[in-house]
Amino acid sequence: MADSRTPRSADGLGSSSPAPAVTRAAAVLDALAEAPSGRLTLSDLARELGIPKSSTSNLLLALEQARLITREGADFSLGRKLVELGAAYLSRLDEVQEFYKFCEQAPTLSGETVRIAMIDGDHIIYLARYEGHPAVRLTSNIGDKMPLSLSAVGKVLLAQLHDHDIEAMFPDDVELPVMTPKSLRSAAELKAQVVAIRKRGYALEDEESTLGVVCLAVPVPTHGAHGPSLGLSVTALKATFSEEQAALMVKELKELAHSLGNPMG
């Protein structure tokens, strides 16, 4: 399948940055992360960054020497050093350690697939995943990103934002990404769900990203003008999902969220 991404313009990569080389290096890592195959050539990356091949080649050499990328033949891909850096970041998040500890001891969540995520622009990124339900393996892994509108945790975090921020992110004419026949199609549908989420205190994703799978999510309470940046979600099979199960899941998710919430904001 052809890569339809819009190349990054040279003007937007480093022209106003205090360290253009760092900005371009970050763009290389982003491009490799977004590539469907996970691999790009020198020509691909030069075109993506909008800079000459000679400059791109020097940049790639520096990233390769730092083990941030790796080369196989003519192709470049992300390097293992990024795994080490990501692991170091996660190991210093007290919320992640508490997350695993709680899930292991929770009567209901201990047998389910539970994740903690943070908001990242119009996406969420998964920080940790507790695997208590081996039957549900089609859901996102650590480090994966998902559009806010396609995930329960994304929608519950969106519901914590101010209305004017939501409007700026999702104007009425925006087209939402679609993954299944049940995915939300319009900003109006998404905003209606935001209203419902605020009333009941949790979000539901009903086969909107994966058929046969439902998901419930709650925010982690923090103080601050823009609401919480972390959310919790639990995944279940649609075929065995019930209102009683949902009530138990939401109860324990809220208990976990309360234990993770930072009262100092």
C-alpha atoms as a PDB file:
ATOM      1  CA  MET A   1       0.000   0.000   0.000  1.00  0.00           C
ATOM      2  CA  ALA A   2       1.368   3.411  -0.946  1.00  0.00           C
ATOM      3  CA  ASP A   3       2.443   5.810   1.750  1.00  0.00           C
ATOM      4  CA  SER A   4       0.069   8.781   1.522  1.00  0.00           C
ATOM      5  CA  ARG A   5       1.630  10.868   4.271  1.00  0.00           C
ATOM      6  CA  THR A   6       2.328  14.525   3.561  1.00  0.00           C
ATOM      7  CA  PRO A   7       6.092  15.212   3.545  1.00  0.00           C
ATOM      8  CA  ARG A   8       7.335  17.456   6.304  1.00  0.00           C
ATOM      9  CA  SER A   9       8.398  20.802   4.900  1.00  0.00           C
ATOM     10  CA  ALA A  10      11.962  21.990   5.368  1.00  0.00           C
ATOM     11  CA  ASP A  11      10.624  25.326   6.581  1.00  0.00           C
ATOM     12  CA  GLY A  12       8.791  23.561   9.389  1.00  0.00           C
ATOM     13  CA  LEU A  13      11.735  21.424  10.474  1.00  0.00           C
ATOM     14  CA  GLY A  14      14.388  23.417  12.179  1.00  0.00           C
ATOM     15  CA  SER A  15      14.069  26.872  10.625  1.00  0.00           C
ATOM     16  CA  SER A  16      12.832  28.397  13.881  1.00  0.00           C
ATOM     17  CA  SER A  17      14.267  25.786  16.225  1.00  0.00           C
ATOM     18  CA  PRO A  18      17.085  26.644  18.648  1.00  0.00           C
ATOM     19  CA  ALA A  19      18.652  23.298  17.630  1.00  0.00           C
ATOM     20  CA  PRO A  20      17.593  22.419  14.039  1.00  0.00           C
ATOM     21  CA  ALA A  21      19.584  19.172  13.981  1.00  0.00           C
ATOM     22  CA  VAL A  22      17.721  17.900  17.043  1.00  0.00           C
ATOM     23  CA  THR A  23      14.381  18.873  15.514  1.00  0.00           C
ATOM     24  CA  ARG A  24      15.250  17.019  12.311  1.00  0.00           C
ATOM     25  CA  ALA A  25      16.508  14.002  14.243  1.00  0.00           C
ATOM     26  CA  ALA A  26      13.178  13.845  16.070  1.00  0.00           C
ATOM     27  CA  ALA A  27      11.411  14.069  12.703  1.00  0.00           C
ATOM     28  CA  VAL A  28      13.411  11.072  11.461  1.00  0.00           C
ATOM     29  CA  LEU A  29      12.313   9.021  14.471  1.00  0.00           C
ATOM     30  CA  ASP A  30       8.694  10.112  13.977  1.00  0.00           C
ATOM     31  CA  ALA A  31       8.818   9.201  10.292  1.00  0.00           C
ATOM     32  CA  LEU A  32      10.205   5.733  11.010  1.00  0.00           C
ATOM     33  CA  ALA A  33       7.618   5.179  13.742  1.00  0.00           C
ATOM     34  CA  GLU A  34       4.795   6.137  11.382  1.00  0.00           C
ATOM     35  CA  ALA A  35       6.025   4.146   8.363  1.00  0.00           C
ATOM     36  CA  PRO A  36       3.680   1.176   7.693  1.00  0.00           C
ATOM     37  CA  SER A  37       6.650  -1.184   7.242  1.00  0.00           C
ATOM     38  CA  GLY A  38       8.732   0.420   9.990  1.00  0.00           C
ATOM     39  CA  ARG A  39      11.480   0.973   7.433  1.00  0.00           C
ATOM     40  CA  LEU A  40      12.471   3.870   5.160  1.00  0.00           C
ATOM     41  CA  THR A  41      15.394   4.493   2.792  1.00  0.00           C
ATOM     42  CA  LEU A  42      17.690   7.503   2.686  1.00  0.00           C
ATOM     43  CA  SER A  43      15.693   8.848  -0.264  1.00  0.00           C
ATOM     44  CA  ASP A  44      12.417   8.344   1.628  1.00  0.00           C
ATOM     45  CA  LEU A  45      13.703  10.213   4.654  1.00  0.00           C
ATOM     46  CA  ALA A  46      15.259  13.059   2.657  1.00  0.00           C
ATOM     47  CA  ARG A  47      11.923  13.533   0.905  1.00  0.00           C
ATOM     48  CA  GLU A  48      10.086  13.297   4.233  1.00  0.00           C
ATOM     49  CA  LEU A  49      12.266  15.968   5.843  1.00  0.00           C
ATOM     50  CA  GLY A  50      12.542  18.125   2.731  1.00  0.00           C
ATOM     51  CA  ILE A  51      16.330  18.455   2.995  1.00  0.00           C
ATOM     52  CA  PRO A  52      19.197  17.278   0.741  1.00  0.00           C
ATOM     53  CA  LYS A  53      20.314  13.657   0.810  1.00  0.00           C
ATOM     54  CA  SER A  54      23.790  14.689   2.000  1.00  0.00           C
ATOM     55  CA  SER A  55      22.360  16.421   5.076  1.00  0.00           C
ATOM     56  CA  THR A  56      19.989  13.524   5.712  1.00  0.00           C
ATOM     57  CA  SER A  57      22.843  11.031   5.401  1.00  0.00           C
ATOM     58  CA  ASN A  58      24.897  12.838   8.060  1.00  0.00           C
ATOM     59  CA  LEU A  59      21.870  12.951  10.342  1.00  0.00           C
ATOM     60  CA  LEU A  60      21.205   9.235   9.908  1.00  0.00           C
ATOM     61  CA  LEU A  61      24.862   8.409  10.586  1.00  0.00           C
ATOM     62  CA  ALA A  62      24.734  10.295  13.895  1.00  0.00           C
ATOM     63  CA  LEU A  63      21.480   8.592  14.903  1.00  0.00           C
ATOM     64  CA  GLU A  64      22.914   5.194  13.961  1.00  0.00           C
ATOM     65  CA  GLN A  65      26.045   5.802  16.020  1.00  0.00           C
ATOM     66  CA  ALA A  66      23.804   6.695  18.971  1.00  0.00           C
ATOM     67  CA  ARG A  67      21.880   3.407  18.399  1.00  0.00           C
ATOM     68  CA  LEU A  68      18.644   5.351  18.000  1.00  0.00           C
ATOM     69  CA  ILE A  69      18.197   3.872  14.533  1.00  0.00           C
ATOM     70  CA  THR A  70      19.581   0.807  12.793  1.00  0.00           C
ATOM     71  CA  ARG A  71      20.412   0.093   9.151  1.00  0.00           C
ATOM     72  CA  GLU A  72      19.839  -3.078   7.179  1.00  0.00           C
ATOM     73  CA  GLY A  73      21.009  -2.700   3.609  1.00  0.00           C
ATOM     74  CA  ALA A  74      19.376   0.435   2.223  1.00  0.00           C
ATOM     75  CA  ASP A  75      16.673   0.531   4.886  1.00  0.00           C
ATOM     76  CA  PHE A  76      16.622   2.339   8.205  1.00  0.00           C
ATOM     77  CA  SER A  77      14.443   1.441  11.209  1.00  0.00           C
ATOM     78  CA  LEU A  78      14.134   2.421  14.861  1.00  0.00           C
ATOM     79  CA  GLY A  79      16.946   1.206  17.112  1.00  0.00           C
ATOM     80  CA  ARG A  80      16.876  -0.757  20.357  1.00  0.00           C
ATOM     81  CA  LYS A  81      18.246   2.202  22.307  1.00  0.00           C
ATOM     82  CA  LEU A  82      14.746   3.674  22.128  1.00  0.00           C
ATOM     83  CA  VAL A  83      13.430   0.648  24.031  1.00  0.00           C
ATOM     84  CA  GLU A  84      15.963   1.280  26.784  1.00  0.00           C
ATOM     85  CA  LEU A  85      15.000   4.953  26.961  1.00  0.00           C
ATOM     86  CA  GLY A  86      11.296   4.136  27.005  1.00  0.00           C
ATOM     87  CA  ALA A  87      11.772   1.565  29.742  1.00  0.00           C
ATOM     88  CA  ALA A  88      13.757   4.070  31.803  1.00  0.00           C
ATOM     89  CA  TYR A  89      10.974   6.635  31.425  1.00  0.00           C
ATOM     90  CA  LEU A  90       8.254   4.196  32.452  1.00  0.00           C
ATOM     91  CA  SER A  91      10.257   2.834  35.389  1.00  0.00           C
ATOM     92  CA  ARG A  92      10.288   6.310  36.906  1.00  0.00           C
ATOM     93  CA  LEU A  93       6.545   6.741  36.734  1.00  0.00           C
ATOM     94  CA  ASP A  94       5.197   5.789  40.143  1.00  0.00           C
ATOM     95  CA  GLU A  95       1.728   5.533  38.584  1.00  0.00           C
ATOM     96  CA  VAL A  96       2.842   2.649  36.371  1.00  0.00           C
ATOM     97  CA  GLN A  97       4.252   0.637  39.271  1.00  0.00           C
ATOM     98  CA  GLU A  98       1.119   1.242  41.360  1.00  0.00           C
ATOM     99  CA  PHE A  99      -1.004   0.332  38.330  1.00  0.00           C
ATOM    100  CA  TYR A 100       0.470  -3.169  38.071  1.00  0.00           C
ATOM    101  CA  LYS A 101       0.323  -3.747  41.812  1.00  0.00           C
ATOM    102  CA  PHE A 102      -3.364  -2.810  42.014  1.00  0.00           C
ATOM    103  CA  CYS A 103      -4.369  -4.884  38.966  1.00  0.00           C
ATOM    104  CA  GLU A 104      -2.727  -8.008  40.359  1.00  0.00           C
ATOM    105  CA  GLN A 105      -4.788  -7.761  43.560  1.00  0.00           C
ATOM    106  CA  ALA A 106      -8.136  -6.502  42.203  1.00  0.00           C
ATOM    107  CA  PRO A 107     -10.909  -9.167  42.258  1.00  0.00           C
ATOM    108  CA  THR A 108     -12.268  -8.275  38.800  1.00  0.00           C
ATOM    109  CA  LEU A 109      -9.476  -6.436  36.992  1.00  0.00           C
ATOM    110  CA  SER A 110      -6.922  -9.137  37.816  1.00  0.00           C
ATOM    111  CA  GLY A 111      -8.614 -11.338  35.222  1.00  0.00           C
ATOM    112  CA  GLU A 112      -8.928  -8.685  32.532  1.00  0.00           C
ATOM    113  CA  THR A 113      -6.776  -6.678  30.128  1.00  0.00           C
ATOM    114  CA  VAL A 114      -6.190  -3.259  31.705  1.00  0.00           C
ATOM    115  CA  ARG A 115      -4.177  -0.331  30.355  1.00  0.00           C
ATOM    116  CA  ILE A 116      -3.016   3.090  31.466  1.00  0.00           C
ATOM    117  CA  ALA A 117      -2.638   5.809  28.855  1.00  0.00           C
ATOM    118  CA  MET A 118      -1.827   9.480  28.542  1.00  0.00           C
ATOM    119  CA  ILE A 119      -3.209  12.085  26.177  1.00  0.00           C
ATOM    120  CA  ASP A 120      -0.898  13.234  23.376  1.00  0.00           C
ATOM    121  CA  GLY A 121      -2.513  15.870  21.177  1.00  0.00           C
ATOM    122  CA  ASP A 122      -5.459  14.270  19.375  1.00  0.00           C
ATOM    123  CA  HIS A 123      -4.191  10.770  20.249  1.00  0.00           C
ATOM    124  CA  ILE A 124      -3.523   8.755  23.358  1.00  0.00           C
ATOM    125  CA  ILE A 125      -0.405   6.697  23.952  1.00  0.00           C
ATOM    126  CA  TYR A 126      -0.428   3.522  26.059  1.00  0.00           C
ATOM    127  CA  LEU A 127       2.091   3.502  28.908  1.00  0.00           C
ATOM    128  CA  ALA A 128       1.424   0.133  30.513  1.00  0.00           C
ATOM    129  CA  ARG A 129      -0.685  -2.963  29.965  1.00  0.00           C
ATOM    130  CA  TYR A 130      -1.725  -5.557  32.519  1.00  0.00           C
ATOM    131  CA  GLU A 131      -2.529  -8.845  30.781  1.00  0.00           C
ATOM    132  CA  GLY A 132      -5.042 -10.758  32.868  1.00  0.00           C
ATOM    133  CA  HIS A 133      -7.273 -11.928  30.022  1.00  0.00           C
ATOM    134  CA  PRO A 134      -5.316 -13.920  27.415  1.00  0.00           C
ATOM    135  CA  ALA A 135      -8.400 -14.191  25.195  1.00  0.00           C
ATOM    136  CA  VAL A 136      -8.276 -10.466  24.364  1.00  0.00           C
ATOM    137  CA  ARG A 137      -5.067  -9.873  22.407  1.00  0.00           C
ATOM    138  CA  LEU A 138      -6.258  -7.609  19.617  1.00  0.00           C
ATOM    139  CA  THR A 139      -5.983  -4.453  21.706  1.00  0.00           C
ATOM    140  CA  SER A 140      -3.148  -1.909  21.701  1.00  0.00           C
ATOM    141  CA  ASN A 141       0.240  -2.574  23.255  1.00  0.00           C
ATOM    142  CA  ILE A 142       2.603  -0.370  25.258  1.00  0.00           C
ATOM    143  CA  GLY A 143       3.777   2.544  23.135  1.00  0.00           C
ATOM    144  CA  ASP A 144       0.934   2.276  20.629  1.00  0.00           C
ATOM    145  CA  LYS A 145      -1.043   5.403  19.796  1.00  0.00           C
ATOM    146  CA  MET A 146      -4.763   5.621  19.076  1.00  0.00           C
ATOM    147  CA  PRO A 147      -6.969   8.532  17.953  1.00  0.00           C
ATOM    148  CA  LEU A 148      -8.982   9.963  20.831  1.00  0.00           C
ATOM    149  CA  SER A 149     -12.294   9.281  19.075  1.00  0.00           C
ATOM    150  CA  LEU A 150     -11.583   5.565  18.642  1.00  0.00           C
ATOM    151  CA  SER A 151     -10.780   4.605  22.226  1.00  0.00           C
ATOM    152  CA  ALA A 152     -12.691   4.700  25.490  1.00  0.00           C
ATOM    153  CA  VAL A 153      -9.701   6.146  27.328  1.00  0.00           C
ATOM    154  CA  GLY A 154      -9.273   8.777  24.638  1.00  0.00           C
ATOM    155  CA  LYS A 155     -12.898   9.823  24.891  1.00  0.00           C
ATOM    156  CA  VAL A 156     -12.859   9.945  28.698  1.00  0.00           C
ATOM    157  CA  LEU A 157      -9.772  12.174  28.652  1.00  0.00           C
ATOM    158  CA  LEU A 158     -11.320  14.350  25.963  1.00  0.00           C
ATOM    159  CA  ALA A 159     -14.360  14.796  28.211  1.00  0.00           C
ATOM    160  CA  GLN A 160     -12.137  16.400  30.860  1.00  0.00           C
ATOM    161  CA  LEU A 161     -11.049  19.228  28.548  1.00  0.00           C
ATOM    162  CA  HIS A 162     -12.736  22.600  28.219  1.00  0.00           C
ATOM    163  CA  ASP A 163     -15.415  22.830  25.529  1.00  0.00           C
ATOM    164  CA  HIS A 164     -13.441  25.422  23.572  1.00  0.00           C
ATOM    165  CA  ASP A 165     -10.428  23.081  23.464  1.00  0.00           C
ATOM    166  CA  ILE A 166     -12.620  20.243  22.203  1.00  0.00           C
ATOM    167  CA  GLU A 167     -14.133  22.526  19.569  1.00  0.00           C
ATOM    168  CA  ALA A 168     -10.673  23.552  18.388  1.00  0.00           C
ATOM    169  CA  MET A 169      -9.606  19.907  18.075  1.00  0.00           C
ATOM    170  CA  PHE A 170     -12.854  18.645  16.564  1.00  0.00           C
ATOM    171  CA  PRO A 171     -14.697  21.327  14.565  1.00  0.00           C
ATOM    172  CA  ASP A 172     -18.029  20.276  13.087  1.00  0.00           C
ATOM    173  CA  ASP A 173     -16.612  19.617   9.610  1.00  0.00           C
ATOM    174  CA  VAL A 174     -13.774  17.337  10.737  1.00  0.00           C
ATOM    175  CA  GLU A 175     -13.718  13.735   9.465  1.00  0.00           C
ATOM    176  CA  LEU A 176     -12.981  11.200  12.186  1.00  0.00           C
ATOM    177  CA  PRO A 177     -10.817   8.129  11.512  1.00  0.00           C
ATOM    178  CA  VAL A 178     -12.816   4.933  11.010  1.00  0.00           C
ATOM    179  CA  MET A 179     -11.726   1.386  11.892  1.00  0.00           C
ATOM    180  CA  THR A 180     -15.014  -0.555  12.068  1.00  0.00           C
ATOM    181  CA  PRO A 181     -18.629  -0.023  10.970  1.00  0.00           C
ATOM    182  CA  LYS A 182     -19.321   1.132  14.551  1.00  0.00           C
ATOM    183  CA  SER A 183     -16.644   3.833  14.648  1.00  0.00           C
ATOM    184  CA  LEU A 184     -17.870   7.370  15.267  1.00  0.00           C
ATOM    185  CA  ARG A 185     -18.138   9.276  12.005  1.00  0.00           C
ATOM    186  CA  SER A 186     -18.699  12.905  12.960  1.00  0.00           C
ATOM    187  CA  ALA A 187     -17.570  15.478  15.484  1.00  0.00           C
ATOM    188  CA  ALA A 188     -21.211  15.890  16.510  1.00  0.00           C
ATOM    189  CA  GLU A 189     -21.391  12.212  17.534  1.00  0.00           C
ATOM    190  CA  LEU A 190     -18.155  12.553  19.479  1.00  0.00           C
ATOM    191  CA  LYS A 191     -19.316  15.688  21.295  1.00  0.00           C
ATOM    192  CA  ALA A 192     -22.614  14.006  22.198  1.00  0.00           C
ATOM    193  CA  GLN A 193     -20.644  11.166  23.780  1.00  0.00           C
ATOM    194  CA  VAL A 194     -18.528  13.681  25.690  1.00  0.00           C
ATOM    195  CA  VAL A 195     -21.702  15.074  27.277  1.00  0.00           C
ATOM    196  CA  ALA A 196     -22.816  11.560  28.271  1.00  0.00           C
ATOM    197  CA  ILE A 197     -19.376  10.679  29.651  1.00  0.00           C
ATOM    198  CA  ARG A 198     -19.361  13.742  31.881  1.00  0.00           C
ATOM    199  CA  LYS A 199     -22.723  12.731  33.333  1.00  0.00           C
ATOM    200  CA  ARG A 200     -21.934   9.102  34.102  1.00  0.00           C
ATOM    201  CA  GLY A 201     -18.229   9.438  34.907  1.00  0.00           C
ATOM    202  CA  TYR A 202     -16.834   6.830  32.528  1.00  0.00           C
ATOM    203  CA  ALA A 203     -16.543   6.150  28.795  1.00  0.00           C
ATOM    204  CA  LEU A 204     -17.611   3.165  26.727  1.00  0.00           C
ATOM    205  CA  GLU A 205     -16.134   2.061  23.412  1.00  0.00           C
ATOM    206  CA  ASP A 206     -18.458  -0.487  21.814  1.00  0.00           C
ATOM    207  CA  GLU A 207     -16.633  -2.292  18.968  1.00  0.00           C
ATOM    208  CA  GLU A 208     -15.508   1.069  17.569  1.00  0.00           C
ATOM    209  CA  SER A 209     -11.864   0.077  17.100  1.00  0.00           C
ATOM    210  CA  THR A 210     -12.088  -3.728  17.082  1.00  0.00           C
ATOM    211  CA  LEU A 211     -15.158  -5.818  16.304  1.00  0.00           C
ATOM    212  CA  GLY A 212     -16.104  -8.155  19.134  1.00  0.00           C
ATOM    213  CA  VAL A 213     -14.321  -6.042  21.749  1.00  0.00           C
ATOM    214  CA  VAL A 214     -15.691  -3.427  24.155  1.00  0.00           C
ATOM    215  CA  CYS A 215     -13.783  -1.123  26.464  1.00  0.00           C
ATOM    216  CA  LEU A 216     -14.537   0.977  29.548  1.00  0.00           C
ATOM    217  CA  ALA A 217     -12.394   3.879  30.765  1.00  0.00           C
ATOM    218  CA  VAL A 218     -12.115   6.421  33.582  1.00  0.00           C
ATOM    219  CA  PRO A 219      -9.788   9.422  34.064  1.00  0.00           C
ATOM    220  CA  VAL A 220      -7.145   9.609  36.743  1.00  0.00           C
ATOM    221  CA  PRO A 221      -8.101  12.626  38.878  1.00  0.00           C
ATOM    222  CA  THR A 222      -5.593  15.437  39.111  1.00  0.00           C
ATOM    223  CA  HIS A 223      -5.841  19.144  39.789  1.00  0.00           C
ATOM    224  CA  GLY A 224      -5.128  21.672  37.076  1.00  0.00           C
ATOM    225  CA  ALA A 225      -6.797  23.864  34.500  1.00  0.00           C
ATOM    226  CA  HIS A 226      -6.754  21.305  31.739  1.00  0.00           C
ATOM    227  CA  GLY A 227      -7.877  18.209  33.600  1.00  0.00           C
ATOM    228  CA  PRO A 228      -6.137  14.867  33.911  1.00  0.00           C
ATOM    229  CA  SER A 229      -3.608  13.620  31.392  1.00  0.00           C
ATOM    230  CA  LEU A 230      -3.827   9.965  32.429  1.00  0.00           C
ATOM    231  CA  GLY A 231      -6.657   7.508  31.949  1.00  0.00           C
ATOM    232  CA  LEU A 232      -7.387   3.848  32.692  1.00  0.00           C
ATOM    233  CA  SER A 233      -9.218   1.359  30.502  1.00  0.00           C
ATOM    234  CA  VAL A 234     -10.320  -2.262  30.680  1.00  0.00           C
ATOM    235  CA  THR A 235     -11.103  -4.452  27.681  1.00  0.00           C
ATOM    236  CA  ALA A 236     -13.690  -7.220  27.465  1.00  0.00           C
ATOM    237  CA  LEU A 237     -15.180  -9.546  24.887  1.00  0.00           C
ATOM    238  CA  LYS A 238     -18.518  -8.334  23.576  1.00  0.00           C
ATOM    239  CA  ALA A 239     -19.963 -11.854  23.584  1.00  0.00           C
ATOM    240  CA  THR A 240     -19.586 -12.255  27.349  1.00  0.00           C
ATOM    241  CA  PHE A 241     -19.986  -8.609  28.402  1.00  0.00           C
ATOM    242  CA  SER A 242     -22.818  -7.778  30.815  1.00  0.00           C
ATOM    243  CA  GLU A 243     -24.082  -4.794  32.809  1.00  0.00           C
ATOM    244  CA  GLU A 244     -23.079  -6.535  36.041  1.00  0.00           C
ATOM    245  CA  GLN A 245     -19.554  -7.037  34.736  1.00  0.00           C
ATOM    246  CA  ALA A 246     -19.413  -3.415  33.588  1.00  0.00           C
ATOM    247  CA  ALA A 247     -20.439  -2.156  37.040  1.00  0.00           C
ATOM    248  CA  LEU A 248     -17.699  -4.180  38.734  1.00  0.00           C
ATOM    249  CA  MET A 249     -15.096  -3.043  36.215  1.00  0.00           C
ATOM    250  CA  VAL A 250     -15.995   0.630  36.555  1.00  0.00           C
ATOM    251  CA  LYS A 251     -15.975   0.375  40.352  1.00  0.00           C
ATOM    252  CA  GLU A 252     -12.459  -1.057  40.425  1.00  0.00           C
ATOM    253  CA  LEU A 253     -11.210   1.288  37.703  1.00  0.00           C
ATOM    254  CA  LYS A 254     -12.375   4.245  39.778  1.00  0.00           C
ATOM    255  CA  GLU A 255     -10.681   2.809  42.874  1.00  0.00           C
ATOM    256  CA  LEU A 256      -7.465   2.409  40.897  1.00  0.00           C
ATOM    257  CA  ALA A 257      -7.808   5.922  39.465  1.00  0.00           C
ATOM    258  CA  HIS A 258      -8.238   7.317  42.968  1.00  0.00           C
ATOM    259  CA  SER A 259      -5.117   5.520  44.184  1.00  0.00           C
ATOM    260  CA  LEU A 260      -3.109   6.877  41.243  1.00  0.00           C
ATOM    261  CA  GLY A 261      -4.413  10.439  41.461  1.00  0.00           C
ATOM    262  CA  ASN A 262      -1.934  12.976  42.721  1.00  0.00           C
ATOM    263  CA  PRO A 263      -3.626  15.202  45.321  1.00  0.00           C
ATOM    264  CA  MET A 264      -0.893  17.799  44.848  1.00  0.00           C
ATOM    265  CA  GLY A 265      -1.765  18.049  41.116  1.00  0.00           C
END
